[in-house]
Amino acid sequence: MEYLSLPPGRLTTSQAATACGVQPGTIRDWVRRGILTRSGGSPRHPIFRVEDVMAAKNAPKPSRPGQRGVNAA
C-alpha cells in the first residue's frame, strides 16, 4: 500500500531509500538499529521525516563482524 497523499516533508520507506541511494531493506535496518526513527504511519507502512532520513544517511554506521563493504578484508 502506498500513501495517496503524505504530509509535506514526509517520505515512505521506498522514497527514503531512493533519496539515500540505498535499498528499502537498508532503511528498515537503520530503524531496527536505532539510526532512523519513524514519524508516523502504521507498523507495516511507516513514514519518515525528510530531516531524519538525511541525518541517518550522514550518520556514522557501526560496523559488525562479517559485514560486507569496502573495509572488509
Protein backbone atom coordinates (compact mmCIF):
# COMPACT_ATOMS: atom_id res chain seq x y z
CA MET A 1 0.00 0.00 0.00
CA GLU A 2 1.39 3.36 -0.97
CA TYR A 3 0.01 6.53 0.53
CA LEU A 4 -2.09 8.64 -1.81
CA SER A 5 -1.02 11.83 -0.05
CA LEU A 6 1.72 12.35 2.51
CA PRO A 7 2.13 15.40 4.71
CA PRO A 8 4.81 17.79 3.41
CA GLY A 9 8.32 16.77 4.44
CA ARG A 10 7.43 13.10 4.92
CA LEU A 11 8.69 10.06 2.98
CA THR A 12 7.69 6.42 2.67
CA THR A 13 10.30 3.69 3.09
CA SER A 14 10.75 3.43 -0.69
CA GLN A 15 11.07 7.19 -1.10
CA ALA A 16 13.57 7.40 1.77
CA ALA A 17 15.64 4.62 0.19
CA THR A 18 15.66 6.40 -3.16
CA ALA A 19 16.65 9.68 -1.51
CA CYS A 20 19.60 7.97 0.21
CA GLY A 21 20.64 5.78 -2.71
CA VAL A 22 20.10 2.56 -0.75
CA GLN A 23 17.67 -0.36 -0.80
CA PRO A 24 14.44 -0.26 1.27
CA GLY A 25 15.87 -3.06 3.42
CA THR A 26 18.64 -0.70 4.48
CA ILE A 27 16.09 1.84 5.69
CA ARG A 28 14.36 -0.90 7.70
CA ASP A 29 17.76 -1.92 9.10
CA TRP A 30 18.51 1.68 10.14
CA VAL A 31 15.18 1.73 12.01
CA ARG A 32 15.95 -1.58 13.70
CA ARG A 33 19.42 -0.37 14.70
CA GLY A 34 18.11 2.96 16.04
CA ILE A 35 19.77 5.14 13.39
CA LEU A 36 16.43 6.31 11.95
CA THR A 37 13.13 6.92 13.76
CA ARG A 38 9.65 6.58 12.30
CA SER A 39 7.45 9.65 12.45
CA GLY A 40 4.10 8.04 11.85
CA GLY A 41 2.26 5.72 9.54
CA SER A 42 1.47 2.17 10.51
CA PRO A 43 3.77 -0.67 11.59
CA ARG A 44 3.73 -2.08 8.05
CA HIS A 45 3.82 1.30 6.28
CA PRO A 46 5.91 3.77 8.27
CA ILE A 47 6.66 7.31 7.20
CA PHE A 48 9.78 9.30 7.98
CA ARG A 49 10.67 12.99 8.24
CA VAL A 50 13.00 14.17 5.47
CA GLU A 51 15.33 15.72 8.07
CA ASP A 52 15.61 12.40 9.94
CA VAL A 53 16.31 10.49 6.71
CA MET A 54 19.11 12.88 5.70
CA ALA A 55 20.59 12.75 9.21
CA ALA A 56 20.54 8.94 9.12
CA LYS A 57 22.18 8.93 5.69
CA ASN A 58 25.07 11.03 7.01
CA ALA A 59 25.31 9.35 10.43
CA PRO A 60 28.30 7.10 11.15
CA LYS A 61 27.22 3.48 10.89
CA PRO A 62 28.63 0.98 13.39
CA SER A 63 30.30 -1.95 11.72
CA ARG A 64 29.59 -5.53 12.64
CA PRO A 65 31.61 -8.71 12.17
CA GLY A 66 31.03 -10.31 8.80
CA GLN A 67 29.55 -7.15 7.26
CA ARG A 68 30.24 -6.68 3.58
CA GLY A 69 31.73 -3.41 2.47
CA VAL A 70 34.81 -1.55 1.37
CA ASN A 71 36.59 -2.11 4.68
CA ALA A 72 36.05 -5.87 4.68
CA ALA A 73 39.18 -7.97 4.44
